[in-house]
Amino acid sequence: AARLSEYKLGLKGKIEKANAELAEV
């Protein structure tokens, strides 16, 4: 359950990073 939680947090981080990159476009 803890490993899955980390995985899901990683998904959130990918989207946050993508939005930061899109802000620069």
PDBML (XML) file of the C-alpha atoms, coordinates in Angstrom:
<?xml version="1.0" encoding="UTF-8" ?>
<PDBx:datablock datablockName="MODEL"
   xmlns:PDBx="http://pdbml.pdb.org/schema/pdbx-v50.xsd"
   xmlns:xsi="http://www.w3.org/2001/XMLSchema-instance"
   xsi:schemaLocation="http://pdbml.pdb.org/schema/pdbx-v50.xsd pdbx-v50.xsd">
   <PDBx:atom_siteCategory>
      <PDBx:atom_site id="1">
         <PDBx:B_iso_or_equiv>0.00</PDBx:B_iso_or_equiv>
         <PDBx:Cartn_x>0.000</PDBx:Cartn_x>
         <PDBx:Cartn_y>0.000</PDBx:Cartn_y>
         <PDBx:Cartn_z>0.000</PDBx:Cartn_z>
         <PDBx:auth_asym_id>A</PDBx:auth_asym_id>
         <PDBx:auth_atom_id>CA</PDBx:auth_atom_id>
         <PDBx:auth_comp_id>ALA</PDBx:auth_comp_id>
         <PDBx:auth_seq_id>1</PDBx:auth_seq_id>
         <PDBx:group_PDB>ATOM</PDBx:group_PDB>
         <PDBx:label_alt_id xsi:nil="true" />
         <PDBx:label_asym_id>A</PDBx:label_asym_id>
         <PDBx:label_atom_id>CA</PDBx:label_atom_id>
         <PDBx:label_comp_id>ALA</PDBx:label_comp_id>
         <PDBx:label_entity_id>1</PDBx:label_entity_id>
         <PDBx:label_seq_id>1</PDBx:label_seq_id>
         <PDBx:occupancy>1.00</PDBx:occupancy>
         <PDBx:pdbx_PDB_model_num>1</PDBx:pdbx_PDB_model_num>
         <PDBx:type_symbol>C</PDBx:type_symbol>
      </PDBx:atom_site>
      <PDBx:atom_site id="2">
         <PDBx:B_iso_or_equiv>0.00</PDBx:B_iso_or_equiv>
         <PDBx:Cartn_x>2.864</PDBx:Cartn_x>
         <PDBx:Cartn_y>2.388</PDBx:Cartn_y>
         <PDBx:Cartn_z>0.789</PDBx:Cartn_z>
         <PDBx:auth_asym_id>A</PDBx:auth_asym_id>
         <PDBx:auth_atom_id>CA</PDBx:auth_atom_id>
         <PDBx:auth_comp_id>ALA</PDBx:auth_comp_id>
         <PDBx:auth_seq_id>2</PDBx:auth_seq_id>
         <PDBx:group_PDB>ATOM</PDBx:group_PDB>
         <PDBx:label_alt_id xsi:nil="true" />
         <PDBx:label_asym_id>A</PDBx:label_asym_id>
         <PDBx:label_atom_id>CA</PDBx:label_atom_id>
         <PDBx:label_comp_id>ALA</PDBx:label_comp_id>
         <PDBx:label_entity_id>1</PDBx:label_entity_id>
         <PDBx:label_seq_id>2</PDBx:label_seq_id>
         <PDBx:occupancy>1.00</PDBx:occupancy>
         <PDBx:pdbx_PDB_model_num>1</PDBx:pdbx_PDB_model_num>
         <PDBx:type_symbol>C</PDBx:type_symbol>
      </PDBx:atom_site>
      <PDBx:atom_site id="3">
         <PDBx:B_iso_or_equiv>0.00</PDBx:B_iso_or_equiv>
         <PDBx:Cartn_x>4.615</PDBx:Cartn_x>
         <PDBx:Cartn_y>1.599</PDBx:Cartn_y>
         <PDBx:Cartn_z>-2.507</PDBx:Cartn_z>
         <PDBx:auth_asym_id>A</PDBx:auth_asym_id>
         <PDBx:auth_atom_id>CA</PDBx:auth_atom_id>
         <PDBx:auth_comp_id>ARG</PDBx:auth_comp_id>
         <PDBx:auth_seq_id>3</PDBx:auth_seq_id>
         <PDBx:group_PDB>ATOM</PDBx:group_PDB>
         <PDBx:label_alt_id xsi:nil="true" />
         <PDBx:label_asym_id>A</PDBx:label_asym_id>
         <PDBx:label_atom_id>CA</PDBx:label_atom_id>
         <PDBx:label_comp_id>ARG</PDBx:label_comp_id>
         <PDBx:label_entity_id>1</PDBx:label_entity_id>
         <PDBx:label_seq_id>3</PDBx:label_seq_id>
         <PDBx:occupancy>1.00</PDBx:occupancy>
         <PDBx:pdbx_PDB_model_num>1</PDBx:pdbx_PDB_model_num>
         <PDBx:type_symbol>C</PDBx:type_symbol>
      </PDBx:atom_site>
      <PDBx:atom_site id="4">
         <PDBx:B_iso_or_equiv>0.00</PDBx:B_iso_or_equiv>
         <PDBx:Cartn_x>1.371</PDBx:Cartn_x>
         <PDBx:Cartn_y>2.235</PDBx:Cartn_y>
         <PDBx:Cartn_z>-4.396</PDBx:Cartn_z>
         <PDBx:auth_asym_id>A</PDBx:auth_asym_id>
         <PDBx:auth_atom_id>CA</PDBx:auth_atom_id>
         <PDBx:auth_comp_id>LEU</PDBx:auth_comp_id>
         <PDBx:auth_seq_id>4</PDBx:auth_seq_id>
         <PDBx:group_PDB>ATOM</PDBx:group_PDB>
         <PDBx:label_alt_id xsi:nil="true" />
         <PDBx:label_asym_id>A</PDBx:label_asym_id>
         <PDBx:label_atom_id>CA</PDBx:label_atom_id>
         <PDBx:label_comp_id>LEU</PDBx:label_comp_id>
         <PDBx:label_entity_id>1</PDBx:label_entity_id>
         <PDBx:label_seq_id>4</PDBx:label_seq_id>
         <PDBx:occupancy>1.00</PDBx:occupancy>
         <PDBx:pdbx_PDB_model_num>1</PDBx:pdbx_PDB_model_num>
         <PDBx:type_symbol>C</PDBx:type_symbol>
      </PDBx:atom_site>
      <PDBx:atom_site id="5">
         <PDBx:B_iso_or_equiv>0.00</PDBx:B_iso_or_equiv>
         <PDBx:Cartn_x>0.930</PDBx:Cartn_x>
         <PDBx:Cartn_y>5.538</PDBx:Cartn_y>
         <PDBx:Cartn_z>-2.594</PDBx:Cartn_z>
         <PDBx:auth_asym_id>A</PDBx:auth_asym_id>
         <PDBx:auth_atom_id>CA</PDBx:auth_atom_id>
         <PDBx:auth_comp_id>SER</PDBx:auth_comp_id>
         <PDBx:auth_seq_id>5</PDBx:auth_seq_id>
         <PDBx:group_PDB>ATOM</PDBx:group_PDB>
         <PDBx:label_alt_id xsi:nil="true" />
         <PDBx:label_asym_id>A</PDBx:label_asym_id>
         <PDBx:label_atom_id>CA</PDBx:label_atom_id>
         <PDBx:label_comp_id>SER</PDBx:label_comp_id>
         <PDBx:label_entity_id>1</PDBx:label_entity_id>
         <PDBx:label_seq_id>5</PDBx:label_seq_id>
         <PDBx:occupancy>1.00</PDBx:occupancy>
         <PDBx:pdbx_PDB_model_num>1</PDBx:pdbx_PDB_model_num>
         <PDBx:type_symbol>C</PDBx:type_symbol>
      </PDBx:atom_site>
      <PDBx:atom_site id="6">
         <PDBx:B_iso_or_equiv>0.00</PDBx:B_iso_or_equiv>
         <PDBx:Cartn_x>4.436</PDBx:Cartn_x>
         <PDBx:Cartn_y>6.591</PDBx:Cartn_y>
         <PDBx:Cartn_z>-3.681</PDBx:Cartn_z>
         <PDBx:auth_asym_id>A</PDBx:auth_asym_id>
         <PDBx:auth_atom_id>CA</PDBx:auth_atom_id>
         <PDBx:auth_comp_id>GLU</PDBx:auth_comp_id>
         <PDBx:auth_seq_id>6</PDBx:auth_seq_id>
         <PDBx:group_PDB>ATOM</PDBx:group_PDB>
         <PDBx:label_alt_id xsi:nil="true" />
         <PDBx:label_asym_id>A</PDBx:label_asym_id>
         <PDBx:label_atom_id>CA</PDBx:label_atom_id>
         <PDBx:label_comp_id>GLU</PDBx:label_comp_id>
         <PDBx:label_entity_id>1</PDBx:label_entity_id>
         <PDBx:label_seq_id>6</PDBx:label_seq_id>
         <PDBx:occupancy>1.00</PDBx:occupancy>
         <PDBx:pdbx_PDB_model_num>1</PDBx:pdbx_PDB_model_num>
         <PDBx:type_symbol>C</PDBx:type_symbol>
      </PDBx:atom_site>
      <PDBx:atom_site id="7">
         <PDBx:B_iso_or_equiv>0.00</PDBx:B_iso_or_equiv>
         <PDBx:Cartn_x>3.643</PDBx:Cartn_x>
         <PDBx:Cartn_y>5.570</PDBx:Cartn_y>
         <PDBx:Cartn_z>-7.239</PDBx:Cartn_z>
         <PDBx:auth_asym_id>A</PDBx:auth_asym_id>
         <PDBx:auth_atom_id>CA</PDBx:auth_atom_id>
         <PDBx:auth_comp_id>TYR</PDBx:auth_comp_id>
         <PDBx:auth_seq_id>7</PDBx:auth_seq_id>
         <PDBx:group_PDB>ATOM</PDBx:group_PDB>
         <PDBx:label_alt_id xsi:nil="true" />
         <PDBx:label_asym_id>A</PDBx:label_asym_id>
         <PDBx:label_atom_id>CA</PDBx:label_atom_id>
         <PDBx:label_comp_id>TYR</PDBx:label_comp_id>
         <PDBx:label_entity_id>1</PDBx:label_entity_id>
         <PDBx:label_seq_id>7</PDBx:label_seq_id>
         <PDBx:occupancy>1.00</PDBx:occupancy>
         <PDBx:pdbx_PDB_model_num>1</PDBx:pdbx_PDB_model_num>
         <PDBx:type_symbol>C</PDBx:type_symbol>
      </PDBx:atom_site>
      <PDBx:atom_site id="8">
         <PDBx:B_iso_or_equiv>0.00</PDBx:B_iso_or_equiv>
         <PDBx:Cartn_x>0.478</PDBx:Cartn_x>
         <PDBx:Cartn_y>7.696</PDBx:Cartn_y>
         <PDBx:Cartn_z>-7.250</PDBx:Cartn_z>
         <PDBx:auth_asym_id>A</PDBx:auth_asym_id>
         <PDBx:auth_atom_id>CA</PDBx:auth_atom_id>
         <PDBx:auth_comp_id>LYS</PDBx:auth_comp_id>
         <PDBx:auth_seq_id>8</PDBx:auth_seq_id>
         <PDBx:group_PDB>ATOM</PDBx:group_PDB>
         <PDBx:label_alt_id xsi:nil="true" />
         <PDBx:label_asym_id>A</PDBx:label_asym_id>
         <PDBx:label_atom_id>CA</PDBx:label_atom_id>
         <PDBx:label_comp_id>LYS</PDBx:label_comp_id>
         <PDBx:label_entity_id>1</PDBx:label_entity_id>
         <PDBx:label_seq_id>8</PDBx:label_seq_id>
         <PDBx:occupancy>1.00</PDBx:occupancy>
         <PDBx:pdbx_PDB_model_num>1</PDBx:pdbx_PDB_model_num>
         <PDBx:type_symbol>C</PDBx:type_symbol>
      </PDBx:atom_site>
      <PDBx:atom_site id="9">
         <PDBx:B_iso_or_equiv>0.00</PDBx:B_iso_or_equiv>
         <PDBx:Cartn_x>2.395</PDBx:Cartn_x>
         <PDBx:Cartn_y>10.658</PDBx:Cartn_y>
         <PDBx:Cartn_z>-5.812</PDBx:Cartn_z>
         <PDBx:auth_asym_id>A</PDBx:auth_asym_id>
         <PDBx:auth_atom_id>CA</PDBx:auth_atom_id>
         <PDBx:auth_comp_id>LEU</PDBx:auth_comp_id>
         <PDBx:auth_seq_id>9</PDBx:auth_seq_id>
         <PDBx:group_PDB>ATOM</PDBx:group_PDB>
         <PDBx:label_alt_id xsi:nil="true" />
         <PDBx:label_asym_id>A</PDBx:label_asym_id>
         <PDBx:label_atom_id>CA</PDBx:label_atom_id>
         <PDBx:label_comp_id>LEU</PDBx:label_comp_id>
         <PDBx:label_entity_id>1</PDBx:label_entity_id>
         <PDBx:label_seq_id>9</PDBx:label_seq_id>
         <PDBx:occupancy>1.00</PDBx:occupancy>
         <PDBx:pdbx_PDB_model_num>1</PDBx:pdbx_PDB_model_num>
         <PDBx:type_symbol>C</PDBx:type_symbol>
      </PDBx:atom_site>
      <PDBx:atom_site id="10">
         <PDBx:B_iso_or_equiv>0.00</PDBx:B_iso_or_equiv>
         <PDBx:Cartn_x>4.859</PDBx:Cartn_x>
         <PDBx:Cartn_y>10.235</PDBx:Cartn_y>
         <PDBx:Cartn_z>-8.671</PDBx:Cartn_z>
         <PDBx:auth_asym_id>A</PDBx:auth_asym_id>
         <PDBx:auth_atom_id>CA</PDBx:auth_atom_id>
         <PDBx:auth_comp_id>GLY</PDBx:auth_comp_id>
         <PDBx:auth_seq_id>10</PDBx:auth_seq_id>
         <PDBx:group_PDB>ATOM</PDBx:group_PDB>
         <PDBx:label_alt_id xsi:nil="true" />
         <PDBx:label_asym_id>A</PDBx:label_asym_id>
         <PDBx:label_atom_id>CA</PDBx:label_atom_id>
         <PDBx:label_comp_id>GLY</PDBx:label_comp_id>
         <PDBx:label_entity_id>1</PDBx:label_entity_id>
         <PDBx:label_seq_id>10</PDBx:label_seq_id>
         <PDBx:occupancy>1.00</PDBx:occupancy>
         <PDBx:pdbx_PDB_model_num>1</PDBx:pdbx_PDB_model_num>
         <PDBx:type_symbol>C</PDBx:type_symbol>
      </PDBx:atom_site>
      <PDBx:atom_site id="11">
         <PDBx:B_iso_or_equiv>0.00</PDBx:B_iso_or_equiv>
         <PDBx:Cartn_x>1.999</PDBx:Cartn_x>
         <PDBx:Cartn_y>10.520</PDBx:Cartn_y>
         <PDBx:Cartn_z>-11.159</PDBx:Cartn_z>
         <PDBx:auth_asym_id>A</PDBx:auth_asym_id>
         <PDBx:auth_atom_id>CA</PDBx:auth_atom_id>
         <PDBx:auth_comp_id>LEU</PDBx:auth_comp_id>
         <PDBx:auth_seq_id>11</PDBx:auth_seq_id>
         <PDBx:group_PDB>ATOM</PDBx:group_PDB>
         <PDBx:label_alt_id xsi:nil="true" />
         <PDBx:label_asym_id>A</PDBx:label_asym_id>
         <PDBx:label_atom_id>CA</PDBx:label_atom_id>
         <PDBx:label_comp_id>LEU</PDBx:label_comp_id>
         <PDBx:label_entity_id>1</PDBx:label_entity_id>
         <PDBx:label_seq_id>11</PDBx:label_seq_id>
         <PDBx:occupancy>1.00</PDBx:occupancy>
         <PDBx:pdbx_PDB_model_num>1</PDBx:pdbx_PDB_model_num>
         <PDBx:type_symbol>C</PDBx:type_symbol>
      </PDBx:atom_site>
      <PDBx:atom_site id="12">
         <PDBx:B_iso_or_equiv>0.00</PDBx:B_iso_or_equiv>
         <PDBx:Cartn_x>0.938</PDBx:Cartn_x>
         <PDBx:Cartn_y>13.772</PDBx:Cartn_y>
         <PDBx:Cartn_z>-9.525</PDBx:Cartn_z>
         <PDBx:auth_asym_id>A</PDBx:auth_asym_id>
         <PDBx:auth_atom_id>CA</PDBx:auth_atom_id>
         <PDBx:auth_comp_id>LYS</PDBx:auth_comp_id>
         <PDBx:auth_seq_id>12</PDBx:auth_seq_id>
         <PDBx:group_PDB>ATOM</PDBx:group_PDB>
         <PDBx:label_alt_id xsi:nil="true" />
         <PDBx:label_asym_id>A</PDBx:label_asym_id>
         <PDBx:label_atom_id>CA</PDBx:label_atom_id>
         <PDBx:label_comp_id>LYS</PDBx:label_comp_id>
         <PDBx:label_entity_id>1</PDBx:label_entity_id>
         <PDBx:label_seq_id>12</PDBx:label_seq_id>
         <PDBx:occupancy>1.00</PDBx:occupancy>
         <PDBx:pdbx_PDB_model_num>1</PDBx:pdbx_PDB_model_num>
         <PDBx:type_symbol>C</PDBx:type_symbol>
      </PDBx:atom_site>
      <PDBx:atom_site id="13">
         <PDBx:B_iso_or_equiv>0.00</PDBx:B_iso_or_equiv>
         <PDBx:Cartn_x>4.502</PDBx:Cartn_x>
         <PDBx:Cartn_y>15.073</PDBx:Cartn_y>
         <PDBx:Cartn_z>-9.744</PDBx:Cartn_z>
         <PDBx:auth_asym_id>A</PDBx:auth_asym_id>
         <PDBx:auth_atom_id>CA</PDBx:auth_atom_id>
         <PDBx:auth_comp_id>GLY</PDBx:auth_comp_id>
         <PDBx:auth_seq_id>13</PDBx:auth_seq_id>
         <PDBx:group_PDB>ATOM</PDBx:group_PDB>
         <PDBx:label_alt_id xsi:nil="true" />
         <PDBx:label_asym_id>A</PDBx:label_asym_id>
         <PDBx:label_atom_id>CA</PDBx:label_atom_id>
         <PDBx:label_comp_id>GLY</PDBx:label_comp_id>
         <PDBx:label_entity_id>1</PDBx:label_entity_id>
         <PDBx:label_seq_id>13</PDBx:label_seq_id>
         <PDBx:occupancy>1.00</PDBx:occupancy>
         <PDBx:pdbx_PDB_model_num>1</PDBx:pdbx_PDB_model_num>
         <PDBx:type_symbol>C</PDBx:type_symbol>
      </PDBx:atom_site>
      <PDBx:atom_site id="14">
         <PDBx:B_iso_or_equiv>0.00</PDBx:B_iso_or_equiv>
         <PDBx:Cartn_x>4.664</PDBx:Cartn_x>
         <PDBx:Cartn_y>14.315</PDBx:Cartn_y>
         <PDBx:Cartn_z>-13.473</PDBx:Cartn_z>
         <PDBx:auth_asym_id>A</PDBx:auth_asym_id>
         <PDBx:auth_atom_id>CA</PDBx:auth_atom_id>
         <PDBx:auth_comp_id>LYS</PDBx:auth_comp_id>
         <PDBx:auth_seq_id>14</PDBx:auth_seq_id>
         <PDBx:group_PDB>ATOM</PDBx:group_PDB>
         <PDBx:label_alt_id xsi:nil="true" />
         <PDBx:label_asym_id>A</PDBx:label_asym_id>
         <PDBx:label_atom_id>CA</PDBx:label_atom_id>
         <PDBx:label_comp_id>LYS</PDBx:label_comp_id>
         <PDBx:label_entity_id>1</PDBx:label_entity_id>
         <PDBx:label_seq_id>14</PDBx:label_seq_id>
         <PDBx:occupancy>1.00</PDBx:occupancy>
         <PDBx:pdbx_PDB_model_num>1</PDBx:pdbx_PDB_model_num>
         <PDBx:type_symbol>C</PDBx:type_symbol>
      </PDBx:atom_site>
      <PDBx:atom_site id="15">
         <PDBx:B_iso_or_equiv>0.00</PDBx:B_iso_or_equiv>
         <PDBx:Cartn_x>1.551</PDBx:Cartn_x>
         <PDBx:Cartn_y>16.412</PDBx:Cartn_y>
         <PDBx:Cartn_z>-14.134</PDBx:Cartn_z>
         <PDBx:auth_asym_id>A</PDBx:auth_asym_id>
         <PDBx:auth_atom_id>CA</PDBx:auth_atom_id>
         <PDBx:auth_comp_id>ILE</PDBx:auth_comp_id>
         <PDBx:auth_seq_id>15</PDBx:auth_seq_id>
         <PDBx:group_PDB>ATOM</PDBx:group_PDB>
         <PDBx:label_alt_id xsi:nil="true" />
         <PDBx:label_asym_id>A</PDBx:label_asym_id>
         <PDBx:label_atom_id>CA</PDBx:label_atom_id>
         <PDBx:label_comp_id>ILE</PDBx:label_comp_id>
         <PDBx:label_entity_id>1</PDBx:label_entity_id>
         <PDBx:label_seq_id>15</PDBx:label_seq_id>
         <PDBx:occupancy>1.00</PDBx:occupancy>
         <PDBx:pdbx_PDB_model_num>1</PDBx:pdbx_PDB_model_num>
         <PDBx:type_symbol>C</PDBx:type_symbol>
      </PDBx:atom_site>
      <PDBx:atom_site id="16">
         <PDBx:B_iso_or_equiv>0.00</PDBx:B_iso_or_equiv>
         <PDBx:Cartn_x>2.798</PDBx:Cartn_x>
         <PDBx:Cartn_y>19.268</PDBx:Cartn_y>
         <PDBx:Cartn_z>-11.947</PDBx:Cartn_z>
         <PDBx:auth_asym_id>A</PDBx:auth_asym_id>
         <PDBx:auth_atom_id>CA</PDBx:auth_atom_id>
         <PDBx:auth_comp_id>GLU</PDBx:auth_comp_id>
         <PDBx:auth_seq_id>16</PDBx:auth_seq_id>
         <PDBx:group_PDB>ATOM</PDBx:group_PDB>
         <PDBx:label_alt_id xsi:nil="true" />
         <PDBx:label_asym_id>A</PDBx:label_asym_id>
         <PDBx:label_atom_id>CA</PDBx:label_atom_id>
         <PDBx:label_comp_id>GLU</PDBx:label_comp_id>
         <PDBx:label_entity_id>1</PDBx:label_entity_id>
         <PDBx:label_seq_id>16</PDBx:label_seq_id>
         <PDBx:occupancy>1.00</PDBx:occupancy>
         <PDBx:pdbx_PDB_model_num>1</PDBx:pdbx_PDB_model_num>
         <PDBx:type_symbol>C</PDBx:type_symbol>
      </PDBx:atom_site>
      <PDBx:atom_site id="17">
         <PDBx:B_iso_or_equiv>0.00</PDBx:B_iso_or_equiv>
         <PDBx:Cartn_x>6.097</PDBx:Cartn_x>
         <PDBx:Cartn_y>19.255</PDBx:Cartn_y>
         <PDBx:Cartn_z>-13.874</PDBx:Cartn_z>
         <PDBx:auth_asym_id>A</PDBx:auth_asym_id>
         <PDBx:auth_atom_id>CA</PDBx:auth_atom_id>
         <PDBx:auth_comp_id>LYS</PDBx:auth_comp_id>
         <PDBx:auth_seq_id>17</PDBx:auth_seq_id>
         <PDBx:group_PDB>ATOM</PDBx:group_PDB>
         <PDBx:label_alt_id xsi:nil="true" />
         <PDBx:label_asym_id>A</PDBx:label_asym_id>
         <PDBx:label_atom_id>CA</PDBx:label_atom_id>
         <PDBx:label_comp_id>LYS</PDBx:label_comp_id>
         <PDBx:label_entity_id>1</PDBx:label_entity_id>
         <PDBx:label_seq_id>17</PDBx:label_seq_id>
         <PDBx:occupancy>1.00</PDBx:occupancy>
         <PDBx:pdbx_PDB_model_num>1</PDBx:pdbx_PDB_model_num>
         <PDBx:type_symbol>C</PDBx:type_symbol>
      </PDBx:atom_site>
      <PDBx:atom_site id="18">
         <PDBx:B_iso_or_equiv>0.00</PDBx:B_iso_or_equiv>
         <PDBx:Cartn_x>4.229</PDBx:Cartn_x>
         <PDBx:Cartn_y>19.185</PDBx:Cartn_y>
         <PDBx:Cartn_z>-17.201</PDBx:Cartn_z>
         <PDBx:auth_asym_id>A</PDBx:auth_asym_id>
         <PDBx:auth_atom_id>CA</PDBx:auth_atom_id>
         <PDBx:auth_comp_id>ALA</PDBx:auth_comp_id>
         <PDBx:auth_seq_id>18</PDBx:auth_seq_id>
         <PDBx:group_PDB>ATOM</PDBx:group_PDB>
         <PDBx:label_alt_id xsi:nil="true" />
         <PDBx:label_asym_id>A</PDBx:label_asym_id>
         <PDBx:label_atom_id>CA</PDBx:label_atom_id>
         <PDBx:label_comp_id>ALA</PDBx:label_comp_id>
         <PDBx:label_entity_id>1</PDBx:label_entity_id>
         <PDBx:label_seq_id>18</PDBx:label_seq_id>
         <PDBx:occupancy>1.00</PDBx:occupancy>
         <PDBx:pdbx_PDB_model_num>1</PDBx:pdbx_PDB_model_num>
         <PDBx:type_symbol>C</PDBx:type_symbol>
      </PDBx:atom_site>
      <PDBx:atom_site id="19">
         <PDBx:B_iso_or_equiv>0.00</PDBx:B_iso_or_equiv>
         <PDBx:Cartn_x>2.148</PDBx:Cartn_x>
         <PDBx:Cartn_y>22.203</PDBx:Cartn_y>
         <PDBx:Cartn_z>-16.169</PDBx:Cartn_z>
         <PDBx:auth_asym_id>A</PDBx:auth_asym_id>
         <PDBx:auth_atom_id>CA</PDBx:auth_atom_id>
         <PDBx:auth_comp_id>ASN</PDBx:auth_comp_id>
         <PDBx:auth_seq_id>19</PDBx:auth_seq_id>
         <PDBx:group_PDB>ATOM</PDBx:group_PDB>
         <PDBx:label_alt_id xsi:nil="true" />
         <PDBx:label_asym_id>A</PDBx:label_asym_id>
         <PDBx:label_atom_id>CA</PDBx:label_atom_id>
         <PDBx:label_comp_id>ASN</PDBx:label_comp_id>
         <PDBx:label_entity_id>1</PDBx:label_entity_id>
         <PDBx:label_seq_id>19</PDBx:label_seq_id>
         <PDBx:occupancy>1.00</PDBx:occupancy>
         <PDBx:pdbx_PDB_model_num>1</PDBx:pdbx_PDB_model_num>
         <PDBx:type_symbol>C</PDBx:type_symbol>
      </PDBx:atom_site>
      <PDBx:atom_site id="20">
         <PDBx:B_iso_or_equiv>0.00</PDBx:B_iso_or_equiv>
         <PDBx:Cartn_x>5.257</PDBx:Cartn_x>
         <PDBx:Cartn_y>24.119</PDBx:Cartn_y>
         <PDBx:Cartn_z>-15.143</PDBx:Cartn_z>
         <PDBx:auth_asym_id>A</PDBx:auth_asym_id>
         <PDBx:auth_atom_id>CA</PDBx:auth_atom_id>
         <PDBx:auth_comp_id>ALA</PDBx:auth_comp_id>
         <PDBx:auth_seq_id>20</PDBx:auth_seq_id>
         <PDBx:group_PDB>ATOM</PDBx:group_PDB>
         <PDBx:label_alt_id xsi:nil="true" />
         <PDBx:label_asym_id>A</PDBx:label_asym_id>
         <PDBx:label_atom_id>CA</PDBx:label_atom_id>
         <PDBx:label_comp_id>ALA</PDBx:label_comp_id>
         <PDBx:label_entity_id>1</PDBx:label_entity_id>
         <PDBx:label_seq_id>20</PDBx:label_seq_id>
         <PDBx:occupancy>1.00</PDBx:occupancy>
         <PDBx:pdbx_PDB_model_num>1</PDBx:pdbx_PDB_model_num>
         <PDBx:type_symbol>C</PDBx:type_symbol>
      </PDBx:atom_site>
      <PDBx:atom_site id="21">
         <PDBx:B_iso_or_equiv>0.00</PDBx:B_iso_or_equiv>
         <PDBx:Cartn_x>6.769</PDBx:Cartn_x>
         <PDBx:Cartn_y>23.398</PDBx:Cartn_y>
         <PDBx:Cartn_z>-18.564</PDBx:Cartn_z>
         <PDBx:auth_asym_id>A</PDBx:auth_asym_id>
         <PDBx:auth_atom_id>CA</PDBx:auth_atom_id>
         <PDBx:auth_comp_id>GLU</PDBx:auth_comp_id>
         <PDBx:auth_seq_id>21</PDBx:auth_seq_id>
         <PDBx:group_PDB>ATOM</PDBx:group_PDB>
         <PDBx:label_alt_id xsi:nil="true" />
         <PDBx:label_asym_id>A</PDBx:label_asym_id>
         <PDBx:label_atom_id>CA</PDBx:label_atom_id>
         <PDBx:label_comp_id>GLU</PDBx:label_comp_id>
         <PDBx:label_entity_id>1</PDBx:label_entity_id>
         <PDBx:label_seq_id>21</PDBx:label_seq_id>
         <PDBx:occupancy>1.00</PDBx:occupancy>
         <PDBx:pdbx_PDB_model_num>1</PDBx:pdbx_PDB_model_num>
         <PDBx:type_symbol>C</PDBx:type_symbol>
      </PDBx:atom_site>
      <PDBx:atom_site id="22">
         <PDBx:B_iso_or_equiv>0.00</PDBx:B_iso_or_equiv>
         <PDBx:Cartn_x>3.542</PDBx:Cartn_x>
         <PDBx:Cartn_y>24.426</PDBx:Cartn_y>
         <PDBx:Cartn_z>-20.312</PDBx:Cartn_z>
         <PDBx:auth_asym_id>A</PDBx:auth_asym_id>
         <PDBx:auth_atom_id>CA</PDBx:auth_atom_id>
         <PDBx:auth_comp_id>LEU</PDBx:auth_comp_id>
         <PDBx:auth_seq_id>22</PDBx:auth_seq_id>
         <PDBx:group_PDB>ATOM</PDBx:group_PDB>
         <PDBx:label_alt_id xsi:nil="true" />
         <PDBx:label_asym_id>A</PDBx:label_asym_id>
         <PDBx:label_atom_id>CA</PDBx:label_atom_id>
         <PDBx:label_comp_id>LEU</PDBx:label_comp_id>
         <PDBx:label_entity_id>1</PDBx:label_entity_id>
         <PDBx:label_seq_id>22</PDBx:label_seq_id>
         <PDBx:occupancy>1.00</PDBx:occupancy>
         <PDBx:pdbx_PDB_model_num>1</PDBx:pdbx_PDB_model_num>
         <PDBx:type_symbol>C</PDBx:type_symbol>
      </PDBx:atom_site>
      <PDBx:atom_site id="23">
         <PDBx:B_iso_or_equiv>0.00</PDBx:B_iso_or_equiv>
         <PDBx:Cartn_x>3.589</PDBx:Cartn_x>
         <PDBx:Cartn_y>27.722</PDBx:Cartn_y>
         <PDBx:Cartn_z>-18.413</PDBx:Cartn_z>
         <PDBx:auth_asym_id>A</PDBx:auth_asym_id>
         <PDBx:auth_atom_id>CA</PDBx:auth_atom_id>
         <PDBx:auth_comp_id>ALA</PDBx:auth_comp_id>
         <PDBx:auth_seq_id>23</PDBx:auth_seq_id>
         <PDBx:group_PDB>ATOM</PDBx:group_PDB>
         <PDBx:label_alt_id xsi:nil="true" />
         <PDBx:label_asym_id>A</PDBx:label_asym_id>
         <PDBx:label_atom_id>CA</PDBx:label_atom_id>
         <PDBx:label_comp_id>ALA</PDBx:label_comp_id>
         <PDBx:label_entity_id>1</PDBx:label_entity_id>
         <PDBx:label_seq_id>23</PDBx:label_seq_id>
         <PDBx:occupancy>1.00</PDBx:occupancy>
         <PDBx:pdbx_PDB_model_num>1</PDBx:pdbx_PDB_model_num>
         <PDBx:type_symbol>C</PDBx:type_symbol>
      </PDBx:atom_site>
      <PDBx:atom_site id="24">
         <PDBx:B_iso_or_equiv>0.00</PDBx:B_iso_or_equiv>
         <PDBx:Cartn_x>6.853</PDBx:Cartn_x>
         <PDBx:Cartn_y>28.506</PDBx:Cartn_y>
         <PDBx:Cartn_z>-20.208</PDBx:Cartn_z>
         <PDBx:auth_asym_id>A</PDBx:auth_asym_id>
         <PDBx:auth_atom_id>CA</PDBx:auth_atom_id>
         <PDBx:auth_comp_id>GLU</PDBx:auth_comp_id>
         <PDBx:auth_seq_id>24</PDBx:auth_seq_id>
         <PDBx:group_PDB>ATOM</PDBx:group_PDB>
         <PDBx:label_alt_id xsi:nil="true" />
         <PDBx:label_asym_id>A</PDBx:label_asym_id>
         <PDBx:label_atom_id>CA</PDBx:label_atom_id>
         <PDBx:label_comp_id>GLU</PDBx:label_comp_id>
         <PDBx:label_entity_id>1</PDBx:label_entity_id>
         <PDBx:label_seq_id>24</PDBx:label_seq_id>
         <PDBx:occupancy>1.00</PDBx:occupancy>
         <PDBx:pdbx_PDB_model_num>1</PDBx:pdbx_PDB_model_num>
         <PDBx:type_symbol>C</PDBx:type_symbol>
      </PDBx:atom_site>
      <PDBx:atom_site id="25">
         <PDBx:B_iso_or_equiv>0.00</PDBx:B_iso_or_equiv>
         <PDBx:Cartn_x>5.343</PDBx:Cartn_x>
         <PDBx:Cartn_y>27.941</PDBx:Cartn_y>
         <PDBx:Cartn_z>-23.672</PDBx:Cartn_z>
         <PDBx:auth_asym_id>A</PDBx:auth_asym_id>
         <PDBx:auth_atom_id>CA</PDBx:auth_atom_id>
         <PDBx:auth_comp_id>VAL</PDBx:auth_comp_id>
         <PDBx:auth_seq_id>25</PDBx:auth_seq_id>
         <PDBx:group_PDB>ATOM</PDBx:group_PDB>
         <PDBx:label_alt_id xsi:nil="true" />
         <PDBx:label_asym_id>A</PDBx:label_asym_id>
         <PDBx:label_atom_id>CA</PDBx:label_atom_id>
         <PDBx:label_comp_id>VAL</PDBx:label_comp_id>
         <PDBx:label_entity_id>1</PDBx:label_entity_id>
         <PDBx:label_seq_id>25</PDBx:label_seq_id>
         <PDBx:occupancy>1.00</PDBx:occupancy>
         <PDBx:pdbx_PDB_model_num>1</PDBx:pdbx_PDB_model_num>
         <PDBx:type_symbol>C</PDBx:type_symbol>
      </PDBx:atom_site>
   </PDBx:atom_siteCategory>
</PDBx:datablock>
